[in-house]
Amino acid sequence: MAIQLSPMMESTDFTHSVSYQKELILKLQELLKKEIEGKAHSDRIEELSSAIESATEALNNLTQYFRES
């Protein structure tokens, strides 16, 4: 299962930012659950790392938007 997310528009729209962040978190939770249950393969580590990086980037963007508002 590859992580497939909707593309995030390059906008400062708060609603889109929150929706994208929620989607990332849900995908990350799904991967973590599979990893904990032992159903994930070793190649999931790279996917998990990528999901964490994406979630962190989205959170940073959301935080920056909040500070600028």
PDB file of N, CA and C in Angstrom:
ATOM      1  N   MET A   1       0.838  -1.181   0.000  1.00  0.00           N
ATOM      2  CA  MET A   1       0.000   0.000   0.000  1.00  0.00           C
ATOM      3  C   MET A   1       0.878   1.238   0.000  1.00  0.00           C
ATOM      4  N   ALA A   2       0.815   1.995  -1.038  1.00  0.00           N
ATOM      5  CA  ALA A   2       1.564   3.245  -1.099  1.00  0.00           C
ATOM      6  C   ALA A   2       0.714   4.348  -0.495  1.00  0.00           C
ATOM      7  N   ILE A   3       1.384   5.306   0.080  1.00  0.00           N
ATOM      8  CA  ILE A   3       0.668   6.445   0.639  1.00  0.00           C
ATOM      9  C   ILE A   3       0.264   7.346  -0.508  1.00  0.00           C
ATOM     10  N   GLN A   4      -1.023   7.554  -0.669  1.00  0.00           N
ATOM     11  CA  GLN A   4      -1.520   8.436  -1.709  1.00  0.00           C
ATOM     12  C   GLN A   4      -2.386   9.490  -1.056  1.00  0.00           C
ATOM     13  N   LEU A   5      -1.958  10.720  -1.205  1.00  0.00           N
ATOM     14  CA  LEU A   5      -2.682  11.826  -0.606  1.00  0.00           C
ATOM     15  C   LEU A   5      -3.149  12.782  -1.689  1.00  0.00           C
ATOM     16  N   SER A   6      -4.209  13.470  -1.405  1.00  0.00           N
ATOM     17  CA  SER A   6      -4.661  14.497  -2.327  1.00  0.00           C
ATOM     18  C   SER A   6      -3.608  15.593  -2.384  1.00  0.00           C
ATOM     19  N   PRO A   7      -3.362  16.145  -3.561  1.00  0.00           N
ATOM     20  CA  PRO A   7      -2.368  17.217  -3.632  1.00  0.00           C
ATOM     21  C   PRO A   7      -2.849  18.450  -2.877  1.00  0.00           C
ATOM     22  N   MET A   8      -1.941  19.051  -2.148  1.00  0.00           N
ATOM     23  CA  MET A   8      -2.280  20.252  -1.384  1.00  0.00           C
ATOM     24  C   MET A   8      -2.073  21.468  -2.266  1.00  0.00           C
ATOM     25  N   MET A   9      -3.067  22.289  -2.359  1.00  0.00           N
ATOM     26  CA  MET A   9      -2.953  23.503  -3.145  1.00  0.00           C
ATOM     27  C   MET A   9      -1.989  24.454  -2.454  1.00  0.00           C
ATOM     28  N   GLU A  10      -1.262  25.195  -3.262  1.00  0.00           N
ATOM     29  CA  GLU A  10      -0.343  26.182  -2.717  1.00  0.00           C
ATOM     30  C   GLU A  10      -1.155  27.407  -2.322  1.00  0.00           C
ATOM     31  N   SER A  11      -1.865  27.324  -1.251  1.00  0.00           N
ATOM     32  CA  SER A  11      -2.651  28.451  -0.764  1.00  0.00           C
ATOM     33  C   SER A  11      -2.477  28.547   0.733  1.00  0.00           C
ATOM     34  N   THR A  12      -2.872  29.668   1.240  1.00  0.00           N
ATOM     35  CA  THR A  12      -2.790  29.855   2.684  1.00  0.00           C
ATOM     36  C   THR A  12      -4.153  29.641   3.324  1.00  0.00           C
ATOM     37  N   ASP A  13      -5.033  28.985   2.612  1.00  0.00           N
ATOM     38  CA  ASP A  13      -6.372  28.744   3.116  1.00  0.00           C
ATOM     39  C   ASP A  13      -6.315  27.801   4.308  1.00  0.00           C
ATOM     40  N   PHE A  14      -6.774  28.275   5.430  1.00  0.00           N
ATOM     41  CA  PHE A  14      -6.703  27.539   6.685  1.00  0.00           C
ATOM     42  C   PHE A  14      -7.454  26.216   6.608  1.00  0.00           C
ATOM     43  N   THR A  15      -8.621  26.220   5.999  1.00  0.00           N
ATOM     44  CA  THR A  15      -9.428  25.005   5.914  1.00  0.00           C
ATOM     45  C   THR A  15      -8.718  23.913   5.129  1.00  0.00           C
ATOM     46  N   HIS A  16      -8.106  24.272   4.002  1.00  0.00           N
ATOM     47  CA  HIS A  16      -7.363  23.283   3.224  1.00  0.00           C
ATOM     48  C   HIS A  16      -6.179  22.748   4.018  1.00  0.00           C
ATOM     49  N   SER A  17      -5.512  23.633   4.741  1.00  0.00           N
ATOM     50  CA  SER A  17      -4.361  23.207   5.543  1.00  0.00           C
ATOM     51  C   SER A  17      -4.774  22.205   6.608  1.00  0.00           C
ATOM     52  N   VAL A  18      -5.864  22.490   7.280  1.00  0.00           N
ATOM     53  CA  VAL A  18      -6.345  21.593   8.330  1.00  0.00           C
ATOM     54  C   VAL A  18      -6.787  20.256   7.737  1.00  0.00           C
ATOM     55  N   SER A  19      -7.487  20.291   6.617  1.00  0.00           N
ATOM     56  CA  SER A  19      -7.943  19.055   5.976  1.00  0.00           C
ATOM     57  C   SER A  19      -6.767  18.193   5.537  1.00  0.00           C
ATOM     58  N   TYR A  20      -5.754  18.820   4.971  1.00  0.00           N
ATOM     59  CA  TYR A  20      -4.576  18.090   4.518  1.00  0.00           C
ATOM     60  C   TYR A  20      -3.845  17.478   5.708  1.00  0.00           C
ATOM     61  N   GLN A  21      -3.717  18.250   6.779  1.00  0.00           N
ATOM     62  CA  GLN A  21      -3.051  17.749   7.979  1.00  0.00           C
ATOM     63  C   GLN A  21      -3.808  16.551   8.548  1.00  0.00           C
ATOM     64  N   LYS A  22      -5.128  16.633   8.576  1.00  0.00           N
ATOM     65  CA  LYS A  22      -5.942  15.527   9.083  1.00  0.00           C
ATOM     66  C   LYS A  22      -5.738  14.276   8.231  1.00  0.00           C
ATOM     67  N   GLU A  23      -5.693  14.445   6.911  1.00  0.00           N
ATOM     68  CA  GLU A  23      -5.487  13.312   6.010  1.00  0.00           C
ATOM     69  C   GLU A  23      -4.130  12.659   6.257  1.00  0.00           C
ATOM     70  N   LEU A  24      -3.097  13.470   6.438  1.00  0.00           N
ATOM     71  CA  LEU A  24      -1.767  12.934   6.728  1.00  0.00           C
ATOM     72  C   LEU A  24      -1.760  12.147   8.033  1.00  0.00           C
ATOM     73  N   ILE A  25      -2.392  12.690   9.041  1.00  0.00           N
ATOM     74  CA  ILE A  25      -2.423  12.027  10.344  1.00  0.00           C
ATOM     75  C   ILE A  25      -3.158  10.691  10.251  1.00  0.00           C
ATOM     76  N   LEU A  26      -4.260  10.644   9.522  1.00  0.00           N
ATOM     77  CA  LEU A  26      -5.001   9.390   9.372  1.00  0.00           C
ATOM     78  C   LEU A  26      -4.177   8.336   8.649  1.00  0.00           C
ATOM     79  N   LYS A  27      -3.452   8.733   7.599  1.00  0.00           N
ATOM     80  CA  LYS A  27      -2.590   7.785   6.886  1.00  0.00           C
ATOM     81  C   LYS A  27      -1.469   7.292   7.796  1.00  0.00           C
ATOM     82  N   LEU A  28      -0.910   8.190   8.575  1.00  0.00           N
ATOM     83  CA  LEU A  28       0.159   7.826   9.499  1.00  0.00           C
ATOM     84  C   LEU A  28      -0.360   6.867  10.567  1.00  0.00           C
ATOM     85  N   GLN A  29      -1.537   7.127  11.099  1.00  0.00           N
ATOM     86  CA  GLN A  29      -2.131   6.228  12.089  1.00  0.00           C
ATOM     87  C   GLN A  29      -2.341   4.836  11.504  1.00  0.00           C
ATOM     88  N   GLU A  30      -2.799   4.774  10.261  1.00  0.00           N
ATOM     89  CA  GLU A  30      -3.021   3.489   9.597  1.00  0.00           C
ATOM     90  C   GLU A  30      -1.713   2.706   9.476  1.00  0.00           C
ATOM     91  N   LEU A  31      -0.654   3.385   9.055  1.00  0.00           N
ATOM     92  CA  LEU A  31       0.644   2.722   8.938  1.00  0.00           C
ATOM     93  C   LEU A  31       1.173   2.275  10.296  1.00  0.00           C
ATOM     94  N   LEU A  32       1.047   3.127  11.293  1.00  0.00           N
ATOM     95  CA  LEU A  32       1.521   2.775  12.634  1.00  0.00           C
ATOM     96  C   LEU A  32       0.771   1.566  13.186  1.00  0.00           C
ATOM     97  N   LYS A  33      -0.532   1.531  12.986  1.00  0.00           N
ATOM     98  CA  LYS A  33      -1.332   0.407  13.469  1.00  0.00           C
ATOM     99  C   LYS A  33      -0.865  -0.897  12.829  1.00  0.00           C
ATOM    100  N   LYS A  34      -0.640  -0.876  11.521  1.00  0.00           N
ATOM    101  CA  LYS A  34      -0.171  -2.077  10.829  1.00  0.00           C
ATOM    102  C   LYS A  34       1.216  -2.480  11.312  1.00  0.00           C
ATOM    103  N   GLU A  35       2.068  -1.501  11.538  1.00  0.00           N
ATOM    104  CA  GLU A  35       3.424  -1.788  12.016  1.00  0.00           C
ATOM    105  C   GLU A  35       3.363  -2.429  13.401  1.00  0.00           C
ATOM    106  N   ILE A  36       2.534  -1.891  14.271  1.00  0.00           N
ATOM    107  CA  ILE A  36       2.399  -2.423  15.632  1.00  0.00           C
ATOM    108  C   ILE A  36       1.822  -3.834  15.608  1.00  0.00           C
ATOM    109  N   GLU A  37       0.860  -4.073  14.732  1.00  0.00           N
ATOM    110  CA  GLU A  37       0.245  -5.396  14.628  1.00  0.00           C
ATOM    111  C   GLU A  37       1.145  -6.396  13.911  1.00  0.00           C
ATOM    112  N   GLY A  38       2.262  -5.939  13.410  1.00  0.00           N
ATOM    113  CA  GLY A  38       3.195  -6.828  12.738  1.00  0.00           C
ATOM    114  C   GLY A  38       2.792  -7.204  11.328  1.00  0.00           C
ATOM    115  N   LYS A  39       1.852  -6.473  10.757  1.00  0.00           N
ATOM    116  CA  LYS A  39       1.381  -6.781   9.414  1.00  0.00           C
ATOM    117  C   LYS A  39       2.165  -6.035   8.340  1.00  0.00           C
ATOM    118  N   ALA A  40       2.947  -5.092   8.741  1.00  0.00           N
ATOM    119  CA  ALA A  40       3.691  -4.294   7.766  1.00  0.00           C
ATOM    120  C   ALA A  40       5.004  -4.983   7.434  1.00  0.00           C
ATOM    121  N   HIS A  41       5.470  -4.771   6.240  1.00  0.00           N
ATOM    122  CA  HIS A  41       6.745  -5.328   5.805  1.00  0.00           C
ATOM    123  C   HIS A  41       7.858  -4.325   6.082  1.00  0.00           C
ATOM    124  N   SER A  42       9.088  -4.784   5.962  1.00  0.00           N
ATOM    125  CA  SER A  42      10.227  -3.919   6.258  1.00  0.00           C
ATOM    126  C   SER A  42      10.280  -2.684   5.367  1.00  0.00           C
ATOM    127  N   ASP A  43       9.715  -2.759   4.165  1.00  0.00           N
ATOM    128  CA  ASP A  43       9.712  -1.583   3.294  1.00  0.00           C
ATOM    129  C   ASP A  43       8.768  -0.498   3.799  1.00  0.00           C
ATOM    130  N   ARG A  44       7.976  -0.814   4.793  1.00  0.00           N
ATOM    131  CA  ARG A  44       7.071   0.171   5.392  1.00  0.00           C
ATOM    132  C   ARG A  44       7.835   1.231   6.183  1.00  0.00           C
ATOM    133  N   ILE A  45       9.026   0.889   6.630  1.00  0.00           N
ATOM    134  CA  ILE A  45       9.812   1.844   7.407  1.00  0.00           C
ATOM    135  C   ILE A  45      10.054   3.111   6.593  1.00  0.00           C
ATOM    136  N   GLU A  46      10.411   2.950   5.317  1.00  0.00           N
ATOM    137  CA  GLU A  46      10.631   4.119   4.459  1.00  0.00           C
ATOM    138  C   GLU A  46       9.331   4.896   4.260  1.00  0.00           C
ATOM    139  N   GLU A  47       8.235   4.173   4.061  1.00  0.00           N
ATOM    140  CA  GLU A  47       6.928   4.813   3.914  1.00  0.00           C
ATOM    141  C   GLU A  47       6.552   5.572   5.178  1.00  0.00           C
ATOM    142  N   LEU A  48       6.780   4.933   6.313  1.00  0.00           N
ATOM    143  CA  LEU A  48       6.461   5.547   7.591  1.00  0.00           C
ATOM    144  C   LEU A  48       7.286   6.807   7.803  1.00  0.00           C
ATOM    145  N   SER A  49       8.557   6.739   7.477  1.00  0.00           N
ATOM    146  CA  SER A  49       9.436   7.895   7.593  1.00  0.00           C
ATOM    147  C   SER A  49       8.954   9.035   6.701  1.00  0.00           C
ATOM    148  N   SER A  50       8.558   8.700   5.490  1.00  0.00           N
ATOM    149  CA  SER A  50       8.055   9.705   4.551  1.00  0.00           C
ATOM    150  C   SER A  50       6.764  10.340   5.070  1.00  0.00           C
ATOM    151  N   ALA A  51       5.881   9.521   5.635  1.00  0.00           N
ATOM    152  CA  ALA A  51       4.628  10.041   6.179  1.00  0.00           C
ATOM    153  C   ALA A  51       4.886  10.978   7.346  1.00  0.00           C
ATOM    154  N   ILE A  52       5.845  10.623   8.192  1.00  0.00           N
ATOM    155  CA  ILE A  52       6.184  11.475   9.330  1.00  0.00           C
ATOM    156  C   ILE A  52       6.739  12.808   8.839  1.00  0.00           C
ATOM    157  N   GLU A  53       7.621  12.766   7.841  1.00  0.00           N
ATOM    158  CA  GLU A  53       8.179  14.002   7.287  1.00  0.00           C
ATOM    159  C   GLU A  53       7.088  14.875   6.678  1.00  0.00           C
ATOM    160  N   SER A  54       6.166  14.271   5.945  1.00  0.00           N
ATOM    161  CA  SER A  54       5.075  15.023   5.325  1.00  0.00           C
ATOM    162  C   SER A  54       4.158  15.643   6.375  1.00  0.00           C
ATOM    163  N   ALA A  55       3.841  14.870   7.405  1.00  0.00           N
ATOM    164  CA  ALA A  55       2.989  15.390   8.472  1.00  0.00           C
ATOM    165  C   ALA A  55       3.673  16.535   9.201  1.00  0.00           C
ATOM    166  N   THR A  56       4.972  16.409   9.422  1.00  0.00           N
ATOM    167  CA  THR A  56       5.726  17.467  10.082  1.00  0.00           C
ATOM    168  C   THR A  56       5.736  18.730   9.233  1.00  0.00           C
ATOM    169  N   GLU A  57       5.961  18.578   7.933  1.00  0.00           N
ATOM    170  CA  GLU A  57       5.973  19.732   7.029  1.00  0.00           C
ATOM    171  C   GLU A  57       4.609  20.422   7.008  1.00  0.00           C
ATOM    172  N   ALA A  58       3.543  19.630   6.930  1.00  0.00           N
ATOM    173  CA  ALA A  58       2.200  20.203   6.918  1.00  0.00           C
ATOM    174  C   ALA A  58       1.901  20.921   8.226  1.00  0.00           C
ATOM    175  N   LEU A  59       2.321  20.342   9.329  1.00  0.00           N
ATOM    176  CA  LEU A  59       2.111  20.979  10.623  1.00  0.00           C
ATOM    177  C   LEU A  59       2.884  22.284  10.716  1.00  0.00           C
ATOM    178  N   ASN A  60       4.116  22.296  10.211  1.00  0.00           N
ATOM    179  CA  ASN A  60       4.902  23.530  10.201  1.00  0.00           C
ATOM    180  C   ASN A  60       4.231  24.602   9.349  1.00  0.00           C
ATOM    181  N   ASN A  61       3.698  24.218   8.190  1.00  0.00           N
ATOM    182  CA  ASN A  61       2.985  25.172   7.335  1.00  0.00           C
ATOM    183  C   ASN A  61       1.756  25.728   8.030  1.00  0.00           C
ATOM    184  N   LEU A  62       1.028  24.859   8.701  1.00  0.00           N
ATOM    185  CA  LEU A  62      -0.163  25.281   9.429  1.00  0.00           C
ATOM    186  C   LEU A  62       0.201  26.223  10.569  1.00  0.00           C
ATOM    187  N   THR A  63       1.270  25.906  11.279  1.00  0.00           N
ATOM    188  CA  THR A  63       1.734  26.759  12.374  1.00  0.00           C
ATOM    189  C   THR A  63       2.146  28.129  11.853  1.00  0.00           C
ATOM    190  N   GLN A  64       2.864  28.158  10.733  1.00  0.00           N
ATOM    191  CA  GLN A  64       3.293  29.427  10.144  1.00  0.00           C
ATOM    192  C   GLN A  64       2.082  30.261   9.737  1.00  0.00           C
ATOM    193  N   TYR A  65       1.100  29.621   9.132  1.00  0.00           N
ATOM    194  CA  TYR A  65      -0.116  30.330   8.741  1.00  0.00           C
ATOM    195  C   TYR A  65      -0.801  30.927   9.966  1.00  0.00           C
ATOM    196  N   PHE A  66      -0.900  30.145  11.022  1.00  0.00           N
ATOM    197  CA  PHE A  66      -1.555  30.605  12.241  1.00  0.00           C
ATOM    198  C   PHE A  66      -0.832  31.813  12.823  1.00  0.00           C
ATOM    199  N   ARG A  67       0.498  31.785  12.809  1.00  0.00           N
ATOM    200  CA  ARG A  67       1.283  32.906  13.332  1.00  0.00           C
ATOM    201  C   ARG A  67       1.098  34.166  12.497  1.00  0.00           C
ATOM    202  N   GLU A  68       0.948  34.011  11.179  1.00  0.00           N
ATOM    203  CA  GLU A  68       0.806  35.157  10.283  1.00  0.00           C
ATOM    204  C   GLU A  68      -0.595  35.746  10.309  1.00  0.00           C
ATOM    205  N   SER A  69      -1.563  34.990  10.791  1.00  0.00           N
ATOM    206  CA  SER A  69      -2.961  35.455  10.809  1.00  0.00           C
ATOM    207  C   SER A  69      -3.247  36.364  11.968  1.00  0.00           C
TER     208      SER A  69
END
